């Protein structure tokens, strides 16, 4: 009876997953083996030409795949460095102050992505808020180009990714018994030592969850590079868009999608292995 009830409860989710994820993904994989012919939509085939065209090209590997990985790593790392202090501070607040801070953190997720990007375009432009503020503070003397430039893409990806990092870390931080940190401080540990020895190891599960979400989103980013990046930005999500809709090369775009998913999964598995090793080492060190 329990198994039947569980199956009935899971059936709608399994059906939705099959219709909206598994079947479209199978179609993409099958399409990636088709062949593109001039003047035709595509021809059914079973060729690895689309994969070898990308994987056999040093230019694509460096300027598209590796470039996307580097941007994702950079923006994820910055999000973590900025998100940790915010999560630690919010964890120590209560009442109205906490509600206000949580609203500010969640604000990027409460606004539609296109609307959010257009708002940042106003901030990024030559005479926009960011340049005006930096010039007023004498950080630099002339307007800096953020629009149609990688700097704007990085700033926006960090801004969008930080809420996921903060929320993931906040959940882990609030699970830590405050007496652990107090005990470390009482025996002479500095704030940094207490953080590194107590808080950081215990927040690794939350950190890993945040890293997975933010890295995946930034690696496959499409709208931000399209609207803010230069016309020749080679983020893999944007390249897939160009091949599918502008060049009408669905087989090649599908093969890029499969490669993107495979690369992302490989990196996340490596990240999972690394975090597993770190947690085990910490546990063994405490023994």
Protein backbone atom coordinates (compact mmCIF):
# COMPACT_ATOMS: atom_id res chain seq x y z
CA UNK A 1 0.00 0.00 0.00
CA UNK A 2 2.80 2.40 0.92
CA UNK A 3 4.60 1.68 -2.34
CA UNK A 4 1.40 2.29 -4.29
CA UNK A 5 0.74 5.60 -2.52
CA UNK A 6 4.33 6.69 -3.13
CA UNK A 7 4.03 5.81 -6.82
CA UNK A 8 0.79 7.81 -7.12
CA UNK A 9 2.40 10.82 -5.45
CA UNK A 10 5.46 10.65 -7.67
CA UNK A 11 3.55 10.02 -10.89
CA UNK A 12 2.72 13.68 -11.74
CA UNK A 13 6.32 14.78 -11.14
CA UNK A 14 7.68 11.84 -13.13
CA UNK A 15 5.28 12.59 -16.00
CA UNK A 16 6.25 16.27 -16.05
CA UNK A 17 9.95 15.36 -15.92
CA UNK A 18 9.52 12.96 -18.82
CA UNK A 19 7.56 15.39 -21.01
CA UNK A 20 9.51 18.57 -20.33
CA UNK A 21 13.06 17.29 -19.68
CA UNK A 22 13.79 13.72 -20.78
CA UNK A 23 11.97 13.71 -24.14
CA UNK A 24 13.30 17.13 -25.27
CA UNK A 25 16.80 16.09 -24.23
CA UNK A 26 16.49 12.86 -26.22
CA UNK A 27 15.38 14.91 -29.24
CA UNK A 28 18.41 17.19 -28.86
CA UNK A 29 20.77 14.20 -28.65
CA UNK A 30 19.23 12.60 -31.73
CA UNK A 31 19.31 15.88 -33.66
CA UNK A 32 23.01 16.30 -32.89
CA UNK A 33 23.75 13.32 -35.16
CA UNK A 34 21.82 14.72 -38.11
CA UNK A 35 23.36 16.46 -41.08
CA UNK A 36 22.80 20.02 -42.26
CA UNK A 37 22.30 20.59 -45.99
CA UNK A 38 22.11 23.96 -47.73
CA UNK A 39 18.53 24.80 -48.58
CA UNK A 40 17.14 22.17 -46.22
CA UNK A 41 16.11 22.17 -42.56
CA UNK A 42 18.31 19.13 -41.84
CA UNK A 43 18.74 15.60 -43.09
CA UNK A 44 18.31 12.57 -40.87
CA UNK A 45 21.65 10.83 -40.45
CA UNK A 46 23.96 9.32 -37.85
CA UNK A 47 27.22 11.22 -38.11
CA UNK A 48 29.74 12.47 -35.56
CA UNK A 49 30.66 15.35 -37.83
CA UNK A 50 29.00 17.93 -35.60
CA UNK A 51 30.98 16.76 -32.57
CA UNK A 52 34.31 16.53 -34.36
CA UNK A 53 33.72 19.99 -35.83
CA UNK A 54 33.74 21.40 -32.29
CA UNK A 55 35.97 19.02 -30.34
CA UNK A 56 38.50 18.83 -33.17
CA UNK A 57 38.87 22.59 -33.35
CA UNK A 58 41.39 24.19 -31.04
CA UNK A 59 39.74 27.55 -31.63
CA UNK A 60 36.34 26.37 -30.41
CA UNK A 61 37.83 24.54 -27.42
CA UNK A 62 39.80 27.58 -26.25
CA UNK A 63 37.54 30.47 -27.26
CA UNK A 64 34.19 28.89 -26.50
CA UNK A 65 34.39 25.95 -24.08
CA UNK A 66 37.39 27.05 -22.00
CA UNK A 67 36.30 30.69 -22.14
CA UNK A 68 32.84 29.78 -20.77
CA UNK A 69 34.42 27.67 -18.02
CA UNK A 70 36.77 30.51 -17.03
CA UNK A 71 33.93 33.04 -16.88
CA UNK A 72 31.81 30.64 -14.82
CA UNK A 73 34.67 29.93 -12.39
CA UNK A 74 35.50 33.63 -12.01
CA UNK A 75 31.93 34.77 -11.43
CA UNK A 76 31.20 31.87 -9.06
CA UNK A 77 34.34 32.57 -7.02
CA UNK A 78 33.49 36.28 -6.73
CA UNK A 79 29.92 35.39 -5.71
CA UNK A 80 31.27 33.16 -2.93
CA UNK A 81 33.75 35.77 -1.67
CA UNK A 82 31.02 38.42 -1.56
CA UNK A 83 28.28 36.08 -0.36
CA UNK A 84 30.00 34.60 2.70
CA UNK A 85 30.21 37.89 4.69
CA UNK A 86 26.62 38.74 3.75
CA UNK A 87 25.35 35.32 4.88
CA UNK A 88 27.31 35.51 8.14
CA UNK A 89 25.95 38.98 8.87
CA UNK A 90 22.33 38.09 8.07
CA UNK A 91 22.59 34.99 10.27
CA UNK A 92 23.26 37.27 13.25
CA UNK A 93 20.28 39.57 12.63
CA UNK A 94 16.68 39.34 13.73
CA UNK A 95 13.35 41.06 13.18
CA UNK A 96 12.88 43.92 10.76
CA UNK A 97 16.59 44.20 9.96
CA UNK A 98 16.69 40.57 8.85
CA UNK A 99 13.56 40.98 6.73
CA UNK A 100 14.97 44.05 4.99
CA UNK A 101 18.30 42.34 4.31
CA UNK A 102 16.62 39.19 3.01
CA UNK A 103 14.45 41.28 0.69
CA UNK A 104 17.54 43.03 -0.66
CA UNK A 105 19.30 39.70 -1.21
CA UNK A 106 16.30 38.17 -2.93
CA UNK A 107 15.52 41.22 -5.09
CA UNK A 108 17.46 39.92 -8.15
CA UNK A 109 15.28 36.80 -8.11
CA UNK A 110 12.05 38.78 -7.76
CA UNK A 111 12.56 40.74 -10.99
CA UNK A 112 12.28 39.29 -14.48
CA UNK A 113 15.70 38.67 -16.00
CA UNK A 114 15.11 40.87 -19.07
CA UNK A 115 13.80 43.73 -16.91
CA UNK A 116 16.74 43.29 -14.56
CA UNK A 117 19.27 43.43 -17.39
CA UNK A 118 17.65 46.54 -18.89
CA UNK A 119 17.90 48.22 -15.50
CA UNK A 120 21.61 47.44 -15.38
CA UNK A 121 22.04 48.75 -18.92
CA UNK A 122 20.95 52.15 -17.61
CA UNK A 123 23.51 51.82 -14.81
CA UNK A 124 26.29 50.62 -17.14
CA UNK A 125 26.01 53.21 -19.91
CA UNK A 126 28.70 55.88 -20.32
CA UNK A 127 26.88 58.54 -18.31
CA UNK A 128 25.08 56.05 -16.10
CA UNK A 129 25.00 55.70 -12.33
CA UNK A 130 28.06 53.44 -12.03
CA UNK A 131 30.42 55.63 -14.06
CA UNK A 132 29.08 58.82 -12.45
CA UNK A 133 29.59 57.38 -8.97
CA UNK A 134 33.09 56.08 -9.68
CA UNK A 135 34.15 59.41 -11.21
CA UNK A 136 32.65 61.32 -8.26
CA UNK A 137 34.61 59.09 -5.86
CA UNK A 138 37.72 59.64 -8.02
CA UNK A 139 38.14 55.90 -8.56
CA UNK A 140 38.82 56.75 -12.22
CA UNK A 141 38.73 59.93 -14.29
CA UNK A 142 36.96 58.80 -17.48
CA UNK A 143 33.89 56.62 -18.06
CA UNK A 144 34.73 52.91 -18.24
CA UNK A 145 33.05 50.74 -20.83
CA UNK A 146 30.77 48.19 -19.19
CA UNK A 147 28.22 47.80 -21.97
CA UNK A 148 29.16 45.41 -24.78
CA UNK A 149 32.11 44.30 -22.67
CA UNK A 150 33.04 41.30 -20.54
CA UNK A 151 33.23 43.46 -17.40
CA UNK A 152 29.50 44.12 -17.58
CA UNK A 153 28.78 40.41 -18.11
CA UNK A 154 30.86 39.43 -15.07
CA UNK A 155 29.24 42.06 -12.82
CA UNK A 156 25.73 40.99 -13.82
CA UNK A 157 26.43 37.25 -13.43
CA UNK A 158 27.84 37.90 -9.95
CA UNK A 159 24.81 40.02 -9.05
CA UNK A 160 22.40 37.33 -10.21
CA UNK A 161 24.37 34.47 -8.64
CA UNK A 162 24.95 35.95 -5.18
CA UNK A 163 21.40 35.29 -3.83
CA UNK A 164 21.82 31.54 -4.45
CA UNK A 165 25.15 31.53 -2.61
CA UNK A 166 23.81 33.58 0.31
CA UNK A 167 20.65 31.48 0.72
CA UNK A 168 22.57 28.18 0.53
CA UNK A 169 25.18 29.36 3.04
CA UNK A 170 22.59 30.91 5.33
CA UNK A 171 20.81 27.59 5.72
CA UNK A 172 24.07 25.86 6.74
CA UNK A 173 25.21 28.70 9.02
CA UNK A 174 21.96 28.67 10.98
CA UNK A 175 22.37 24.96 11.60
CA UNK A 176 25.67 25.53 13.42
CA UNK A 177 25.47 25.50 17.21
CA UNK A 178 26.64 28.98 18.30
CA UNK A 179 28.44 27.42 21.27
CA UNK A 180 30.99 25.88 18.87
CA UNK A 181 32.25 29.27 17.73
CA UNK A 182 32.02 30.70 21.26
CA UNK A 183 34.11 27.82 22.60
CA UNK A 184 36.77 28.41 19.96
CA UNK A 185 36.85 32.12 20.79
CA UNK A 186 37.07 31.38 24.54
CA UNK A 187 40.22 29.30 24.07
CA UNK A 188 41.94 32.12 22.21
CA UNK A 189 41.05 31.53 18.56
CA UNK A 190 40.81 34.65 16.41
CA UNK A 191 37.68 35.37 14.37
CA UNK A 192 39.44 34.15 11.23
CA UNK A 193 40.67 30.97 12.98
CA UNK A 194 37.20 30.26 14.36
CA UNK A 195 35.69 30.77 10.92
CA UNK A 196 38.24 28.55 9.16
CA UNK A 197 38.16 25.77 11.78
CA UNK A 198 34.47 25.76 12.72
CA UNK A 199 32.20 27.73 10.38
CA UNK A 200 33.77 26.90 7.03
CA UNK A 201 33.84 23.07 7.44
CA UNK A 202 30.28 23.02 8.76
CA UNK A 203 28.99 25.16 5.90
CA UNK A 204 30.57 23.04 3.16
CA UNK A 205 27.25 21.35 2.24
CA UNK A 206 25.61 24.76 1.74
CA UNK A 207 28.64 26.06 -0.12
CA UNK A 208 28.60 23.06 -2.44
CA UNK A 209 24.87 23.50 -3.16
CA UNK A 210 25.40 27.18 -3.97
CA UNK A 211 28.42 26.45 -6.17
CA UNK A 212 26.48 23.87 -8.17
CA UNK A 213 23.60 26.25 -8.85
CA UNK A 214 25.69 29.34 -9.65
CA UNK A 215 28.32 27.57 -11.74
CA UNK A 216 25.67 25.79 -13.80
CA UNK A 217 23.74 29.02 -14.42
CA UNK A 218 26.84 31.04 -15.30
CA UNK A 219 28.41 28.37 -17.50
CA UNK A 220 25.28 28.16 -19.66
CA UNK A 221 24.41 31.88 -19.41
CA UNK A 222 22.62 33.21 -22.47
CA UNK A 223 20.53 36.34 -21.84
CA UNK A 224 23.22 38.32 -20.00
CA UNK A 225 25.98 37.81 -22.62
CA UNK A 226 23.44 38.47 -25.38
CA UNK A 227 22.20 41.77 -23.98
CA UNK A 228 25.36 43.12 -22.31
CA UNK A 229 28.31 41.31 -23.91
CA UNK A 230 30.14 42.22 -27.09
CA UNK A 231 28.82 40.97 -30.42
CA UNK A 232 31.66 38.44 -30.62
CA UNK A 233 31.21 37.05 -27.08
CA UNK A 234 31.76 33.32 -27.31
CA UNK A 235 29.91 32.04 -24.23
CA UNK A 236 28.74 28.57 -25.19
CA UNK A 237 25.05 29.31 -24.51
CA UNK A 238 25.23 32.30 -26.83
CA UNK A 239 27.04 30.28 -29.51
CA UNK A 240 24.26 27.68 -29.37
CA UNK A 241 21.69 30.45 -29.86
CA UNK A 242 23.54 31.82 -32.89
CA UNK A 243 23.95 28.42 -34.52
CA UNK A 244 20.31 27.43 -33.95
CA UNK A 245 18.45 30.67 -34.75
CA UNK A 246 20.82 32.77 -36.83
CA UNK A 247 22.72 30.12 -38.82
CA UNK A 248 19.81 27.63 -38.84
CA UNK A 249 22.25 24.81 -38.03
CA UNK A 250 20.25 22.78 -35.54
CA UNK A 251 22.45 19.65 -35.63
CA UNK A 252 25.58 21.63 -34.71
CA UNK A 253 23.67 23.61 -32.07
CA UNK A 254 22.34 20.34 -30.62
CA UNK A 255 25.84 18.84 -30.47
CA UNK A 256 27.03 21.98 -28.64
CA UNK A 257 24.16 21.55 -26.17
CA UNK A 258 25.16 17.95 -25.50
CA UNK A 259 28.81 18.97 -25.07
CA UNK A 260 27.79 21.77 -22.71
CA UNK A 261 25.74 19.38 -20.57
CA UNK A 262 28.54 16.79 -20.57
CA UNK A 263 31.20 19.37 -19.65
CA UNK A 264 29.02 20.81 -16.91
CA UNK A 265 28.28 17.36 -15.48
CA UNK A 266 31.97 16.42 -15.54
CA UNK A 267 32.99 19.59 -13.70
CA UNK A 268 30.24 19.14 -11.11
CA UNK A 269 31.27 15.52 -10.52
CA UNK A 270 34.85 16.69 -10.02
CA UNK A 271 33.61 19.37 -7.64
CA UNK A 272 31.58 16.78 -5.74
CA UNK A 273 34.63 14.51 -5.43
CA UNK A 274 36.76 17.42 -4.21
CA UNK A 275 34.25 18.49 -1.58
CA UNK A 276 33.83 14.88 -0.46
CA UNK A 277 37.58 14.59 0.02
CA UNK A 278 37.74 17.89 1.91
CA UNK A 279 34.95 16.86 4.27
CA UNK A 280 36.54 13.46 4.89
CA UNK A 281 39.92 15.06 5.57
CA UNK A 282 38.33 17.44 8.06
CA UNK A 283 36.58 14.58 9.85
CA UNK A 284 39.78 12.52 9.99
CA UNK A 285 41.73 15.52 11.28
CA UNK A 286 39.24 15.97 14.14
CA UNK A 287 39.62 12.32 15.13
